[in-house]
Amino acid sequence: MATVGLKASNGKFVTAEDNVDQAPLRARSDDLLGWQTFDLTYLLPPDNIIVVVTDPPSPKPLAGRPITLKASNGKFVTAECNQTTVPLQARSDQALGWQTFLLVDLPTASGSQAIALMAENRKFVTTEENVDRAPLRARSDQALGWQTFQLIPIAHLEFERGDVFFDKVKDVDEKQDVAWEGKVINKNLKASATQNFTRKIQRTHSVEISFEENLSISYTQNWKFDVANLMGTQHSVTIQGGFKAGQKIIDSAQDEYTFAITLTIPPDTTLDVSCIIWWADDASLGFEQRFWVTGKDGHGKTLQNSEIISYLKNACDFTGKVIDDTQNKERVLVSVRGTITGSFGTRTDLQMG
């Protein structure tokens, strides 16, 4: 037995509706969670292959193995007795004829793994043309686009946050912000005076953090994400479900600017002191957040790198970059890109006159 998810050709995971055993199966979910998982059991050994004959005949010979699918409600998926209009349901306590499907491996031009499911009525299970609320039915004579699925083995991935790398800062338009002005006075008429001058100035500002690539971490409630702005201030935001291209998060942070200098003031002299923050409006800084990824399958077996990468792409909608999968056969380094945009202090200046 293996625990799997079924990803339909519309890019959605097949769902057995929230513990309702009369509800139809639908390919409607973006996430691979409890109600999108099924226990797949092969009923015959691997060398017992059944040849599939279709009408009209398939261009290439098709063969498969009989299976059952048990949903997370503990019920077997059923194709109703020879009725092509009745949806598939996870409703049966027993695995008999109408709970048996032939899992057929399909050849694809891209070489990716695709399968079809033939029910007891010798019809292929189909998702209705890109309608994610439409139920699955065993009604098709052919295994074409809407009758194809990806079989996604269930795994648990662990993400260890790595380094953040920033793009080189491009030229930005700066303006002066006179944060503090004052006077330093030496009233001694004969001797110079030495004075340690220190000022700490705080500024609060908002930034927009946006992501350019996907990494869905569907089983994680919250993800803590830190990224620094141009002055090194950390923005710590909580993200639910991972990163999605186009996702934008607004965060506020407080920068502290320290001005410190030892002044030598001539006798009977007043110095005008200005603490200046150079400010960049609407500046953007690209970044790359890296993660180390490890994982185990549904039976606790450690995943190899190729399995981790496959699961990231198929189950986690990962569109980022694989940085390193060679140092360790069970640990992959990946990254997700994004941009932090806002008005930042870029440097400080202390002027005296």
Protein backbone atom coordinates (compact mmCIF):
# COMPACT_ATOMS: atom_id res chain seq x y z
CA MET A 1 0.00 0.00 0.00
CA ALA A 2 1.12 3.55 -0.74
CA THR A 3 -0.39 6.88 0.23
CA VAL A 4 -0.74 9.15 -2.79
CA GLY A 5 -2.35 12.24 -4.19
CA LEU A 6 -3.95 12.49 -7.64
CA LYS A 7 -3.18 15.63 -9.62
CA ALA A 8 -5.59 16.14 -12.51
CA SER A 9 -4.84 17.78 -15.85
CA ASN A 10 -6.34 21.06 -14.60
CA GLY A 11 -3.46 21.26 -12.10
CA LYS A 12 -5.74 20.58 -9.11
CA PHE A 13 -5.62 17.73 -6.61
CA VAL A 14 -8.53 15.31 -6.42
CA THR A 15 -10.49 15.84 -3.19
CA ALA A 16 -12.81 13.59 -1.20
CA GLU A 17 -15.06 16.22 0.38
CA ASP A 18 -14.64 16.80 4.10
CA ASN A 19 -15.65 13.45 5.58
CA VAL A 20 -18.92 13.33 3.60
CA ASP A 21 -19.07 9.83 2.12
CA GLN A 22 -21.88 10.69 -0.32
CA ALA A 23 -20.08 13.72 -1.76
CA PRO A 24 -18.49 13.31 -5.22
CA LEU A 25 -14.76 13.39 -5.84
CA ARG A 26 -13.63 16.64 -7.47
CA ALA A 27 -10.31 17.89 -8.85
CA ARG A 28 -10.50 21.23 -7.08
CA SER A 29 -7.72 21.72 -4.51
CA ASP A 30 -4.41 23.59 -4.80
CA ASP A 31 -3.06 21.85 -1.71
CA LEU A 32 -2.19 18.25 -0.96
CA LEU A 33 -3.64 17.79 2.52
CA GLY A 34 -5.70 15.13 4.30
CA TRP A 35 -8.76 15.12 2.05
CA GLN A 36 -6.56 14.96 -1.03
CA THR A 37 -4.76 11.78 0.06
CA PHE A 38 -5.66 8.20 -0.79
CA ASP A 39 -4.31 4.81 0.23
CA LEU A 40 -3.53 3.00 -3.01
CA THR A 41 -3.41 -0.80 -2.82
CA TYR A 42 -2.25 -2.98 -5.72
CA LEU A 43 -4.35 -6.14 -5.92
CA LEU A 44 -1.87 -8.18 -7.99
CA PRO A 45 1.93 -8.54 -7.97
CA PRO A 46 3.96 -6.26 -10.30
CA ASP A 47 4.37 -8.94 -12.99
CA ASN A 48 0.59 -9.39 -13.30
CA ILE A 49 -0.16 -6.84 -15.98
CA ILE A 50 -3.56 -6.62 -17.64
CA VAL A 51 -3.69 -5.45 -21.26
CA VAL A 52 -6.28 -2.75 -21.87
CA VAL A 53 -8.32 -2.89 -25.07
CA THR A 54 -10.12 0.33 -25.98
CA ASP A 55 -12.70 1.10 -28.62
CA PRO A 56 -11.45 2.61 -30.85
CA PRO A 57 -8.07 1.00 -30.24
CA SER A 58 -5.35 3.11 -28.62
CA PRO A 59 -2.41 4.07 -30.90
CA LYS A 60 -0.09 2.39 -28.40
CA PRO A 61 -0.83 -0.74 -26.36
CA LEU A 62 -1.99 0.09 -22.83
CA ALA A 63 -1.56 -2.09 -19.77
CA GLY A 64 -2.22 -1.68 -16.08
CA ARG A 65 -2.65 -3.21 -12.65
CA PRO A 66 -5.87 -3.42 -10.61
CA ILE A 67 -5.97 -1.17 -7.55
CA THR A 68 -8.26 0.21 -4.87
CA LEU A 69 -8.28 3.74 -3.47
CA LYS A 70 -9.26 4.39 0.14
CA ALA A 71 -9.95 8.02 1.05
CA SER A 72 -9.07 9.68 4.35
CA ASN A 73 -12.61 9.04 5.63
CA GLY A 74 -11.75 5.31 5.62
CA LYS A 75 -14.09 4.57 2.69
CA PHE A 76 -13.20 3.05 -0.67
CA VAL A 77 -13.67 5.11 -3.82
CA THR A 78 -16.59 3.73 -5.81
CA ALA A 79 -17.69 4.03 -9.43
CA GLU A 80 -21.43 3.38 -9.30
CA CYS A 81 -22.76 0.21 -10.88
CA ASN A 82 -22.33 0.77 -14.60
CA GLN A 83 -23.68 4.32 -14.50
CA THR A 84 -21.43 6.77 -16.34
CA THR A 85 -23.35 9.84 -15.17
CA VAL A 86 -22.97 9.11 -11.44
CA PRO A 87 -19.86 10.70 -9.85
CA LEU A 88 -17.13 8.79 -8.09
CA GLN A 89 -17.64 8.77 -4.32
CA ALA A 90 -15.60 7.63 -1.31
CA ARG A 91 -18.49 5.75 0.30
CA SER A 92 -17.89 1.98 0.47
CA ASP A 93 -16.72 -0.11 3.43
CA GLN A 94 -15.72 -2.97 1.12
CA ALA A 95 -13.45 -3.21 -1.91
CA LEU A 96 -15.41 -5.21 -4.49
CA GLY A 97 -15.87 -4.83 -8.25
CA TRP A 98 -17.05 -1.21 -8.35
CA GLN A 99 -14.29 -0.20 -5.97
CA THR A 100 -11.62 -1.66 -8.26
CA PHE A 101 -9.83 0.36 -10.90
CA LEU A 102 -7.17 -0.46 -13.44
CA LEU A 103 -4.21 1.90 -13.04
CA VAL A 104 -2.84 2.40 -16.54
CA ASP A 105 0.58 3.92 -17.20
CA LEU A 106 0.37 6.34 -20.10
CA PRO A 107 3.22 7.29 -22.43
CA THR A 108 3.78 11.06 -22.68
CA ALA A 109 5.76 13.13 -25.15
CA SER A 110 7.59 14.93 -22.33
CA GLY A 111 8.53 11.71 -20.60
CA SER A 112 6.66 12.69 -17.43
CA GLN A 113 4.74 10.07 -15.47
CA ALA A 114 1.01 10.03 -16.23
CA ILE A 115 -1.69 7.51 -15.40
CA ALA A 116 -5.32 6.85 -16.19
CA LEU A 117 -7.93 5.00 -14.14
CA MET A 118 -10.29 2.55 -15.82
CA ALA A 119 -13.36 1.58 -13.78
CA GLU A 120 -15.22 -1.73 -13.74
CA ASN A 121 -17.51 -0.44 -16.52
CA ARG A 122 -14.39 -0.24 -18.74
CA LYS A 123 -14.65 3.53 -18.91
CA PHE A 124 -11.84 5.90 -18.00
CA VAL A 125 -12.28 8.30 -15.10
CA THR A 126 -12.45 11.88 -16.37
CA THR A 127 -12.32 15.40 -14.96
CA GLU A 128 -14.75 17.71 -16.69
CA GLU A 129 -12.97 20.09 -19.03
CA ASN A 130 -11.08 22.37 -16.67
CA VAL A 131 -14.06 22.86 -14.33
CA ASP A 132 -12.65 22.32 -10.84
CA ARG A 133 -16.07 22.03 -9.20
CA ALA A 134 -17.24 19.32 -11.59
CA PRO A 135 -17.21 15.76 -10.19
CA LEU A 136 -15.10 12.87 -11.47
CA ARG A 137 -16.99 10.29 -13.53
CA ALA A 138 -16.06 6.98 -15.16
CA ARG A 139 -17.50 7.82 -18.56
CA SER A 140 -14.78 8.09 -21.24
CA ASP A 141 -13.80 5.52 -23.88
CA GLN A 142 -10.34 7.07 -24.35
CA ALA A 143 -7.49 8.08 -22.05
CA LEU A 144 -6.73 11.57 -23.31
CA GLY A 145 -6.01 14.90 -21.60
CA TRP A 146 -8.95 15.06 -19.19
CA GLN A 147 -8.54 11.40 -18.32
CA THR A 148 -4.89 11.72 -17.27
CA PHE A 149 -3.57 12.17 -13.74
CA GLN A 150 -0.24 12.41 -12.00
CA LEU A 151 0.30 10.00 -9.15
CA ILE A 152 2.02 11.96 -6.36
CA PRO A 153 3.50 9.85 -3.53
CA ILE A 154 2.85 11.50 -0.18
CA ALA A 155 5.95 12.77 1.56
CA HIS A 156 6.80 15.06 4.45
CA LEU A 157 9.39 17.67 3.63
CA GLU A 158 11.43 19.62 6.17
CA PHE A 159 12.62 23.10 5.23
CA GLU A 160 15.69 24.60 6.90
CA ARG A 161 16.08 28.25 6.07
CA GLY A 162 19.46 29.09 4.55
CA ASP A 163 21.13 32.34 3.59
CA VAL A 164 19.53 35.33 1.90
CA PHE A 165 21.46 36.75 -1.05
CA PHE A 166 20.78 40.29 -2.29
CA ASP A 167 21.24 41.72 -5.74
CA LYS A 168 23.70 44.52 -6.20
CA VAL A 169 22.05 47.79 -5.23
CA LYS A 170 21.41 49.89 -8.31
CA ASP A 171 21.69 53.66 -8.42
CA VAL A 172 18.84 55.26 -6.51
CA ASP A 173 17.65 58.85 -6.26
CA GLU A 174 18.46 60.10 -2.79
CA LYS A 175 17.20 63.05 -0.80
CA GLN A 176 18.33 64.58 2.46
CA ASP A 177 16.35 64.20 5.65
CA VAL A 178 17.65 66.55 8.34
CA ALA A 179 16.83 64.33 11.29
CA TRP A 180 18.26 66.60 14.02
CA GLU A 181 19.76 70.08 14.26
CA GLY A 182 21.41 71.68 17.26
CA LYS A 183 24.33 73.59 18.66
CA VAL A 184 27.42 72.53 20.58
CA ILE A 185 28.94 75.36 22.60
CA ASN A 186 32.35 75.86 24.22
CA LYS A 187 32.04 78.85 26.56
CA ASN A 188 35.65 78.66 27.71
CA LEU A 189 37.38 81.74 26.39
CA LYS A 190 40.91 80.29 26.53
CA ALA A 191 40.90 76.53 26.07
CA SER A 192 39.50 74.10 23.52
CA ALA A 193 36.95 71.58 24.72
CA THR A 194 36.55 67.92 23.83
CA GLN A 195 33.04 66.52 23.76
CA ASN A 196 31.63 63.13 22.79
CA PHE A 197 28.58 63.77 20.64
CA THR A 198 26.02 60.96 20.26
CA ARG A 199 22.48 60.97 18.88
CA LYS A 200 20.19 58.00 18.19
CA ILE A 201 17.35 58.70 15.77
CA GLN A 202 14.56 56.32 14.86
CA ARG A 203 12.44 56.22 11.75
CA THR A 204 9.44 53.96 11.04
CA HIS A 205 8.65 52.98 7.48
CA SER A 206 6.76 50.34 5.50
CA VAL A 207 8.01 47.99 2.83
CA GLU A 208 6.37 45.70 0.32
CA ILE A 209 7.81 42.21 0.00
CA SER A 210 6.78 40.43 -3.19
CA PHE A 211 7.66 36.98 -4.51
CA GLU A 212 8.43 35.97 -8.06
CA GLU A 213 8.40 32.18 -7.69
CA ASN A 214 6.27 29.51 -6.03
CA LEU A 215 6.95 27.16 -3.15
CA SER A 216 3.79 25.82 -1.53
CA ILE A 217 4.30 24.47 1.99
CA SER A 218 0.73 23.34 2.43
CA TYR A 219 1.09 21.42 5.68
CA THR A 220 2.83 24.31 7.47
CA GLN A 221 0.51 26.68 9.29
CA ASN A 222 2.94 29.59 9.42
CA TRP A 223 6.33 30.29 7.91
CA LYS A 224 8.65 32.85 9.49
CA PHE A 225 10.50 34.82 6.85
CA ASP A 226 13.22 37.40 7.47
CA VAL A 227 14.69 39.77 4.92
CA ALA A 228 16.78 42.89 5.43
CA ASN A 229 16.29 46.27 3.76
CA LEU A 230 19.07 48.49 2.45
CA MET A 231 20.15 49.55 5.96
CA GLY A 232 20.19 45.99 7.26
CA THR A 233 16.96 46.24 9.24
CA GLN A 234 15.24 42.87 9.54
CA HIS A 235 11.66 42.58 8.37
CA SER A 236 10.11 39.50 9.92
CA VAL A 237 6.80 38.45 8.40
CA THR A 238 4.58 35.42 8.87
CA ILE A 239 3.51 33.62 5.71
CA GLN A 240 0.81 30.97 5.54
CA GLY A 241 1.17 28.15 3.05
CA GLY A 242 4.50 29.14 1.53
CA PHE A 243 5.35 31.54 -1.28
CA LYS A 244 3.35 32.32 -4.40
CA ALA A 245 4.41 34.33 -7.44
CA GLY A 246 2.69 37.70 -7.31
CA GLN A 247 2.10 37.46 -3.57
CA LYS A 248 2.68 40.79 -1.79
CA ILE A 249 3.12 41.44 1.91
CA ILE A 250 3.27 44.84 3.60
CA ASP A 251 5.44 45.11 6.70
CA SER A 252 6.49 48.00 8.94
CA ALA A 253 9.85 48.27 10.66
CA GLN A 254 11.81 50.77 12.69
CA ASP A 255 15.31 51.77 11.71
CA GLU A 256 17.71 53.25 14.26
CA TYR A 257 20.43 55.59 13.06
CA THR A 258 23.36 56.34 15.37
CA PHE A 259 25.45 59.48 14.99
CA ALA A 260 28.62 59.52 17.09
CA ILE A 261 31.72 61.69 16.94
CA THR A 262 34.33 63.16 19.29
CA LEU A 263 34.38 66.94 18.78
CA THR A 264 37.20 69.32 19.55
CA ILE A 265 35.64 72.76 19.94
CA PRO A 266 37.86 75.85 19.84
CA PRO A 267 37.61 78.40 22.65
CA ASP A 268 34.48 80.54 22.76
CA THR A 269 32.95 78.75 19.78
CA THR A 270 29.48 77.54 18.88
CA LEU A 271 29.18 74.68 16.36
CA ASP A 272 26.01 74.06 14.37
CA VAL A 273 25.49 70.31 14.08
CA SER A 274 23.13 68.58 11.62
CA CYS A 275 22.36 64.86 11.63
CA ILE A 276 21.37 63.92 8.09
CA ILE A 277 19.84 60.72 6.80
CA TRP A 278 20.08 60.15 3.06
CA TRP A 279 16.78 58.68 1.92
CA ALA A 280 15.82 56.67 -1.15
CA ASP A 281 12.16 56.72 -2.20
CA ASP A 282 10.57 53.67 -3.82
CA ALA A 283 13.84 51.76 -3.94
CA SER A 284 13.76 48.07 -4.90
CA LEU A 285 16.15 45.36 -3.85
CA GLY A 286 16.00 41.86 -5.31
CA PHE A 287 16.76 38.93 -3.03
CA GLU A 288 17.10 35.16 -3.16
CA GLN A 289 16.01 33.16 -0.12
CA ARG A 290 17.58 29.71 0.07
CA PHE A 291 16.29 26.57 1.80
CA TRP A 292 17.74 23.18 2.56
CA VAL A 293 15.09 20.50 1.97
CA THR A 294 14.98 16.95 3.33
CA GLY A 295 12.08 14.54 3.47
CA LYS A 296 10.56 11.17 4.24
CA ASP A 297 7.86 9.27 2.43
CA GLY A 298 4.59 8.10 3.98
CA HIS A 299 6.34 5.04 5.45
CA GLY A 300 9.18 7.00 7.07
CA LYS A 301 11.78 6.18 4.43
CA THR A 302 14.28 8.96 3.72
CA LEU A 303 13.80 10.52 0.30
CA GLN A 304 16.63 10.74 -2.20
CA ASN A 305 17.36 14.03 -3.99
CA SER A 306 15.55 13.11 -7.19
CA GLU A 307 12.47 12.21 -5.13
CA ILE A 308 12.65 15.48 -3.18
CA ILE A 309 12.88 17.53 -6.37
CA SER A 310 10.03 15.60 -7.98
CA TYR A 311 7.83 16.12 -4.93
CA LEU A 312 8.69 19.83 -4.78
CA LYS A 313 7.65 20.34 -8.39
CA ASN A 314 4.57 18.12 -8.41
CA ALA A 315 3.13 18.61 -4.93
CA CYS A 316 4.58 21.96 -3.83
CA ASP A 317 4.20 23.82 -7.15
CA PHE A 318 7.88 24.77 -6.92
CA THR A 319 9.05 27.11 -9.69
CA GLY A 320 12.26 28.33 -8.06
CA LYS A 321 15.83 27.19 -8.62
CA VAL A 322 17.62 24.02 -7.52
CA ILE A 323 20.99 25.31 -6.30
CA ASP A 324 22.69 22.13 -5.11
CA ASP A 325 21.66 18.48 -5.17
CA THR A 326 25.12 16.89 -5.28
CA GLN A 327 26.76 17.48 -1.87
CA ASN A 328 24.35 15.17 -0.09
CA LYS A 329 22.11 12.54 -1.69
CA GLU A 330 19.36 13.24 0.84
CA ARG A 331 19.49 17.05 1.04
CA VAL A 332 18.66 19.62 -1.64
CA LEU A 333 19.38 23.35 -1.66
CA VAL A 334 16.70 25.41 -3.43
CA SER A 335 15.84 29.09 -3.65
CA VAL A 336 12.89 31.44 -4.15
CA ARG A 337 13.33 34.94 -5.54
CA GLY A 338 11.56 38.10 -4.51
CA THR A 339 11.82 41.87 -4.22
CA ILE A 340 11.63 44.22 -1.26
CA THR A 341 10.41 47.71 -2.19
CA GLY A 342 10.07 50.79 -0.04
CA SER A 343 11.61 54.05 1.11
CA PHE A 344 14.83 53.38 2.97
CA GLY A 345 17.61 55.27 4.65
CA THR A 346 20.72 54.49 2.65
CA ARG A 347 23.47 56.30 4.59
CA THR A 348 24.06 58.94 7.25
CA ASP A 349 26.04 62.16 7.38
CA LEU A 350 27.07 64.48 10.20
CA GLN A 351 27.59 68.09 9.15
CA MET A 352 29.09 70.87 11.26
CA GLY A 353 29.49 74.54 10.65
